Amino acid sequence: LWALSLAHNQLSVVFWTKVMVDMGLTPCADPDTPRLVCYAALILASAVWFAMTVVVLMCMESLSAFLHALRLHWVEFQNKFYKGDGRPFRPFSFEAILAEADA
């Protein structure tokens, strides 16, 4: 869960660098670029960055919520009612079944 939280920040930085800087701000750095092209590139890059960020972060938050619920079920709920007073675990084995059948 902590790794997902750390990944939010890192993915945001990567998306900002790859989309906004490379797609949106780089064309505007050239003085020969018309202002209309610069504005269009910034608007398009902003829309792409926003959409990618929201989709990826929503998927990561859904995964985080699922993992947290799974952890709560596994750690909290299972340990509350589990009692280790059953029969010992014996792994499945064809040899053991055949040995019991022969005896």
N, C-alpha and C. Protein backbone atom coordinates (compact mmCIF):
# COMPACT_ATOMS: atom_id res chain seq x y z
N LEU A 1 0.82 -1.19 0.00
CA LEU A 1 0.00 0.00 0.00
C LEU A 1 0.86 1.26 0.00
N TRP A 2 1.96 1.20 0.73
CA TRP A 2 2.85 2.36 0.78
C TRP A 2 3.51 2.58 -0.57
N ALA A 3 3.84 1.49 -1.27
CA ALA A 3 4.46 1.61 -2.59
C ALA A 3 3.51 2.28 -3.58
N LEU A 4 2.23 1.99 -3.49
CA LEU A 4 1.26 2.65 -4.37
C LEU A 4 1.20 4.14 -4.10
N SER A 5 1.29 4.51 -2.83
CA SER A 5 1.28 5.93 -2.49
C SER A 5 2.51 6.64 -3.04
N LEU A 6 3.65 5.99 -2.97
CA LEU A 6 4.86 6.59 -3.52
C LEU A 6 4.81 6.65 -5.05
N ALA A 7 4.16 5.67 -5.65
CA ALA A 7 4.08 5.64 -7.12
C ALA A 7 3.20 6.78 -7.65
N HIS A 8 2.24 7.25 -6.87
CA HIS A 8 1.40 8.38 -7.31
C HIS A 8 2.26 9.58 -7.67
N ASN A 9 3.14 9.97 -6.78
CA ASN A 9 3.98 11.14 -7.01
C ASN A 9 4.90 10.91 -8.20
N GLN A 10 5.53 9.76 -8.27
CA GLN A 10 6.48 9.50 -9.35
C GLN A 10 5.78 9.48 -10.70
N LEU A 11 4.61 8.86 -10.78
CA LEU A 11 3.88 8.85 -12.05
C LEU A 11 3.42 10.24 -12.45
N SER A 12 3.04 11.04 -11.50
CA SER A 12 2.65 12.41 -11.81
C SER A 12 3.81 13.19 -12.40
N VAL A 13 4.99 13.02 -11.83
CA VAL A 13 6.18 13.70 -12.37
C VAL A 13 6.50 13.20 -13.77
N VAL A 14 6.41 11.90 -13.99
CA VAL A 14 6.71 11.34 -15.32
C VAL A 14 5.70 11.84 -16.34
N PHE A 15 4.40 11.82 -16.00
CA PHE A 15 3.39 12.31 -16.93
C PHE A 15 3.59 13.79 -17.23
N TRP A 16 3.92 14.58 -16.21
CA TRP A 16 4.14 16.00 -16.44
C TRP A 16 5.32 16.21 -17.39
N THR A 17 6.39 15.48 -17.16
CA THR A 17 7.58 15.67 -17.99
C THR A 17 7.34 15.20 -19.42
N LYS A 18 6.78 14.02 -19.59
CA LYS A 18 6.61 13.46 -20.93
C LYS A 18 5.51 14.15 -21.73
N VAL A 19 4.44 14.55 -21.08
CA VAL A 19 3.32 15.13 -21.82
C VAL A 19 3.42 16.64 -21.89
N MET A 20 3.48 17.29 -20.75
CA MET A 20 3.43 18.76 -20.75
C MET A 20 4.72 19.37 -21.29
N VAL A 21 5.85 18.88 -20.83
CA VAL A 21 7.11 19.49 -21.26
C VAL A 21 7.42 19.13 -22.70
N ASP A 22 7.34 17.82 -23.04
CA ASP A 22 7.72 17.39 -24.38
C ASP A 22 6.69 17.78 -25.45
N MET A 23 5.40 17.64 -25.13
CA MET A 23 4.36 17.94 -26.12
C MET A 23 3.93 19.40 -26.11
N GLY A 24 3.84 19.98 -24.92
CA GLY A 24 3.23 21.31 -24.82
C GLY A 24 4.20 22.46 -24.79
N LEU A 25 5.25 22.35 -23.99
CA LEU A 25 6.14 23.49 -23.81
C LEU A 25 7.29 23.54 -24.81
N THR A 26 7.68 22.39 -25.34
CA THR A 26 8.80 22.38 -26.30
C THR A 26 8.48 23.16 -27.57
N PRO A 27 7.29 23.00 -28.18
CA PRO A 27 6.99 23.83 -29.36
C PRO A 27 6.99 25.33 -29.05
N CYS A 28 6.64 25.69 -27.83
CA CYS A 28 6.57 27.10 -27.47
C CYS A 28 7.95 27.72 -27.23
N ALA A 29 8.97 26.89 -27.08
CA ALA A 29 10.32 27.41 -26.83
C ALA A 29 10.93 28.01 -28.10
N ASP A 30 10.48 27.57 -29.24
CA ASP A 30 10.99 28.10 -30.50
C ASP A 30 10.32 29.44 -30.79
N PRO A 31 11.10 30.51 -30.97
CA PRO A 31 10.48 31.82 -31.21
C PRO A 31 9.76 31.92 -32.55
N ASP A 32 10.06 31.01 -33.49
CA ASP A 32 9.40 31.06 -34.79
C ASP A 32 8.02 30.40 -34.79
N THR A 33 7.68 29.72 -33.70
CA THR A 33 6.39 29.04 -33.62
C THR A 33 5.29 30.08 -33.44
N PRO A 34 4.26 30.01 -34.27
CA PRO A 34 3.14 30.95 -34.10
C PRO A 34 2.45 30.73 -32.75
N ARG A 35 1.95 31.79 -32.19
CA ARG A 35 1.30 31.72 -30.87
C ARG A 35 0.09 30.79 -30.89
N LEU A 36 -0.65 30.74 -31.99
CA LEU A 36 -1.82 29.88 -32.08
C LEU A 36 -1.43 28.41 -31.96
N VAL A 37 -0.32 28.03 -32.60
CA VAL A 37 0.17 26.65 -32.51
C VAL A 37 0.61 26.35 -31.08
N CYS A 38 1.26 27.33 -30.46
CA CYS A 38 1.71 27.16 -29.07
C CYS A 38 0.52 26.97 -28.14
N TYR A 39 -0.51 27.80 -28.30
CA TYR A 39 -1.69 27.68 -27.44
C TYR A 39 -2.41 26.35 -27.68
N ALA A 40 -2.52 25.96 -28.94
CA ALA A 40 -3.18 24.68 -29.26
C ALA A 40 -2.40 23.51 -28.67
N ALA A 41 -1.07 23.56 -28.76
CA ALA A 41 -0.25 22.49 -28.20
C ALA A 41 -0.40 22.43 -26.67
N LEU A 42 -0.45 23.58 -26.03
CA LEU A 42 -0.62 23.60 -24.57
C LEU A 42 -1.99 23.07 -24.14
N ILE A 43 -3.02 23.43 -24.88
CA ILE A 43 -4.37 22.96 -24.55
C ILE A 43 -4.47 21.46 -24.77
N LEU A 44 -3.95 20.97 -25.89
CA LEU A 44 -3.97 19.54 -26.17
C LEU A 44 -3.14 18.76 -25.15
N ALA A 45 -1.96 19.27 -24.83
CA ALA A 45 -1.11 18.60 -23.85
C ALA A 45 -1.75 18.59 -22.47
N SER A 46 -2.41 19.68 -22.11
CA SER A 46 -3.09 19.72 -20.81
C SER A 46 -4.22 18.71 -20.74
N ALA A 47 -4.99 18.59 -21.81
CA ALA A 47 -6.08 17.62 -21.83
C ALA A 47 -5.55 16.19 -21.76
N VAL A 48 -4.50 15.90 -22.51
CA VAL A 48 -3.91 14.55 -22.48
C VAL A 48 -3.34 14.26 -21.10
N TRP A 49 -2.62 15.21 -20.54
CA TRP A 49 -2.03 15.01 -19.21
C TRP A 49 -3.12 14.78 -18.16
N PHE A 50 -4.17 15.58 -18.19
CA PHE A 50 -5.26 15.43 -17.22
C PHE A 50 -5.93 14.07 -17.35
N ALA A 51 -6.22 13.66 -18.58
CA ALA A 51 -6.91 12.38 -18.80
C ALA A 51 -6.03 11.22 -18.35
N MET A 52 -4.76 11.23 -18.74
CA MET A 52 -3.87 10.14 -18.35
C MET A 52 -3.70 10.07 -16.84
N THR A 53 -3.53 11.21 -16.22
CA THR A 53 -3.33 11.24 -14.78
C THR A 53 -4.56 10.72 -14.04
N VAL A 54 -5.73 11.17 -14.43
CA VAL A 54 -6.95 10.73 -13.76
C VAL A 54 -7.18 9.24 -13.94
N VAL A 55 -7.01 8.74 -15.15
CA VAL A 55 -7.25 7.31 -15.40
C VAL A 55 -6.28 6.44 -14.61
N VAL A 56 -5.00 6.76 -14.68
CA VAL A 56 -4.01 5.94 -14.00
C VAL A 56 -4.17 6.03 -12.48
N LEU A 57 -4.39 7.23 -11.96
CA LEU A 57 -4.54 7.36 -10.51
C LEU A 57 -5.84 6.72 -10.01
N MET A 58 -6.90 6.76 -10.79
CA MET A 58 -8.13 6.07 -10.38
C MET A 58 -7.92 4.56 -10.35
N CYS A 59 -7.21 4.03 -11.33
CA CYS A 59 -6.90 2.59 -11.31
C CYS A 59 -6.03 2.25 -10.10
N MET A 60 -5.05 3.08 -9.81
CA MET A 60 -4.18 2.80 -8.67
C MET A 60 -4.93 2.93 -7.35
N GLU A 61 -5.84 3.88 -7.24
CA GLU A 61 -6.63 4.01 -6.02
C GLU A 61 -7.58 2.85 -5.85
N SER A 62 -8.14 2.36 -6.96
CA SER A 62 -9.00 1.18 -6.87
C SER A 62 -8.20 -0.03 -6.42
N LEU A 63 -7.01 -0.19 -6.96
CA LEU A 63 -6.14 -1.28 -6.52
C LEU A 63 -5.76 -1.13 -5.06
N SER A 64 -5.49 0.08 -4.63
CA SER A 64 -5.14 0.32 -3.24
C SER A 64 -6.30 -0.01 -2.31
N ALA A 65 -7.52 0.38 -2.68
CA ALA A 65 -8.69 0.06 -1.86
C ALA A 65 -8.93 -1.44 -1.82
N PHE A 66 -8.77 -2.11 -2.94
CA PHE A 66 -8.93 -3.56 -2.97
C PHE A 66 -7.90 -4.25 -2.08
N LEU A 67 -6.64 -3.83 -2.18
CA LEU A 67 -5.60 -4.44 -1.36
C LEU A 67 -5.81 -4.17 0.12
N HIS A 68 -6.29 -2.99 0.45
CA HIS A 68 -6.54 -2.68 1.86
C HIS A 68 -7.68 -3.54 2.40
N ALA A 69 -8.75 -3.70 1.64
CA ALA A 69 -9.85 -4.55 2.07
C ALA A 69 -9.41 -6.01 2.18
N LEU A 70 -8.60 -6.45 1.23
CA LEU A 70 -8.08 -7.82 1.29
C LEU A 70 -7.20 -8.01 2.51
N ARG A 71 -6.38 -7.03 2.83
CA ARG A 71 -5.53 -7.13 4.01
C ARG A 71 -6.35 -7.16 5.28
N LEU A 72 -7.40 -6.35 5.34
CA LEU A 72 -8.24 -6.36 6.52
C LEU A 72 -8.95 -7.70 6.70
N HIS A 73 -9.45 -8.26 5.62
CA HIS A 73 -10.08 -9.57 5.71
C HIS A 73 -9.09 -10.63 6.13
N TRP A 74 -7.92 -10.60 5.52
CA TRP A 74 -6.94 -11.64 5.77
C TRP A 74 -6.34 -11.53 7.17
N VAL A 75 -5.93 -10.36 7.57
CA VAL A 75 -5.22 -10.20 8.84
C VAL A 75 -6.18 -10.08 10.01
N GLU A 76 -7.17 -9.22 9.91
CA GLU A 76 -8.04 -8.94 11.05
C GLU A 76 -9.13 -10.00 11.22
N PHE A 77 -9.86 -10.28 10.15
CA PHE A 77 -11.00 -11.17 10.27
C PHE A 77 -10.59 -12.63 10.45
N GLN A 78 -9.61 -13.07 9.66
CA GLN A 78 -9.21 -14.47 9.74
C GLN A 78 -8.63 -14.81 11.10
N ASN A 79 -7.82 -13.95 11.66
CA ASN A 79 -7.19 -14.24 12.95
C ASN A 79 -8.17 -14.17 14.11
N LYS A 80 -9.29 -13.50 13.92
CA LYS A 80 -10.25 -13.36 15.01
C LYS A 80 -10.95 -14.69 15.32
N PHE A 81 -11.21 -15.49 14.29
CA PHE A 81 -11.99 -16.71 14.48
C PHE A 81 -11.19 -17.99 14.27
N TYR A 82 -9.97 -17.91 13.82
CA TYR A 82 -9.20 -19.12 13.53
C TYR A 82 -8.68 -19.75 14.81
N LYS A 83 -8.90 -21.04 14.93
CA LYS A 83 -8.34 -21.80 16.05
C LYS A 83 -7.59 -22.98 15.44
N GLY A 84 -6.37 -23.16 15.83
CA GLY A 84 -5.55 -24.22 15.26
C GLY A 84 -5.72 -25.53 16.00
N ASP A 85 -6.96 -25.99 16.23
CA ASP A 85 -7.16 -27.23 16.98
C ASP A 85 -7.70 -28.35 16.09
N GLY A 86 -7.52 -28.25 14.80
CA GLY A 86 -8.00 -29.27 13.87
C GLY A 86 -6.97 -30.38 13.68
N ARG A 87 -7.17 -31.15 12.64
CA ARG A 87 -6.22 -32.23 12.36
C ARG A 87 -5.01 -31.67 11.63
N PRO A 88 -3.89 -32.32 11.77
CA PRO A 88 -2.68 -31.80 11.12
C PRO A 88 -2.77 -31.90 9.60
N PHE A 89 -2.12 -31.00 8.94
CA PHE A 89 -2.11 -30.95 7.48
C PHE A 89 -1.25 -32.07 6.93
N ARG A 90 -1.82 -32.80 5.97
CA ARG A 90 -1.07 -33.83 5.25
C ARG A 90 -1.17 -33.49 3.77
N PRO A 91 -0.06 -33.24 3.13
CA PRO A 91 -0.12 -32.94 1.70
C PRO A 91 -0.63 -34.14 0.91
N PHE A 92 -1.31 -33.85 -0.19
CA PHE A 92 -1.85 -34.91 -1.03
C PHE A 92 -0.71 -35.70 -1.66
N SER A 93 -0.85 -37.03 -1.62
CA SER A 93 0.20 -37.88 -2.18
C SER A 93 -0.43 -39.17 -2.69
N PHE A 94 -0.17 -39.48 -3.94
CA PHE A 94 -0.67 -40.74 -4.49
C PHE A 94 0.02 -41.93 -3.82
N GLU A 95 1.30 -41.78 -3.47
CA GLU A 95 2.02 -42.87 -2.82
C GLU A 95 1.37 -43.23 -1.49
N ALA A 96 0.96 -42.22 -0.72
CA ALA A 96 0.32 -42.49 0.57
C ALA A 96 -1.01 -43.18 0.38
N ILE A 97 -1.77 -42.80 -0.61
CA ILE A 97 -3.07 -43.42 -0.89
C ILE A 97 -2.87 -44.88 -1.30
N LEU A 98 -1.90 -45.14 -2.18
CA LEU A 98 -1.64 -46.51 -2.61
C LEU A 98 -1.10 -47.35 -1.47
N ALA A 99 -0.28 -46.78 -0.59
CA ALA A 99 0.25 -47.52 0.56
C ALA A 99 -0.88 -47.88 1.52
N GLU A 100 -1.85 -46.99 1.73
CA GLU A 100 -2.97 -47.28 2.61
C GLU A 100 -3.88 -48.34 1.99
N ALA A 101 -4.02 -48.30 0.64
CA ALA A 101 -4.87 -49.29 -0.04
C ALA A 101 -4.25 -50.69 0.01
N ASP A 102 -2.92 -50.77 -0.06
CA ASP A 102 -2.22 -52.05 -0.03
C ASP A 102 -2.22 -52.65 1.38
N ALA A 103 -2.30 -51.82 2.38
CA ALA A 103 -2.21 -52.32 3.77
C ALA A 103 -3.50 -52.90 4.26
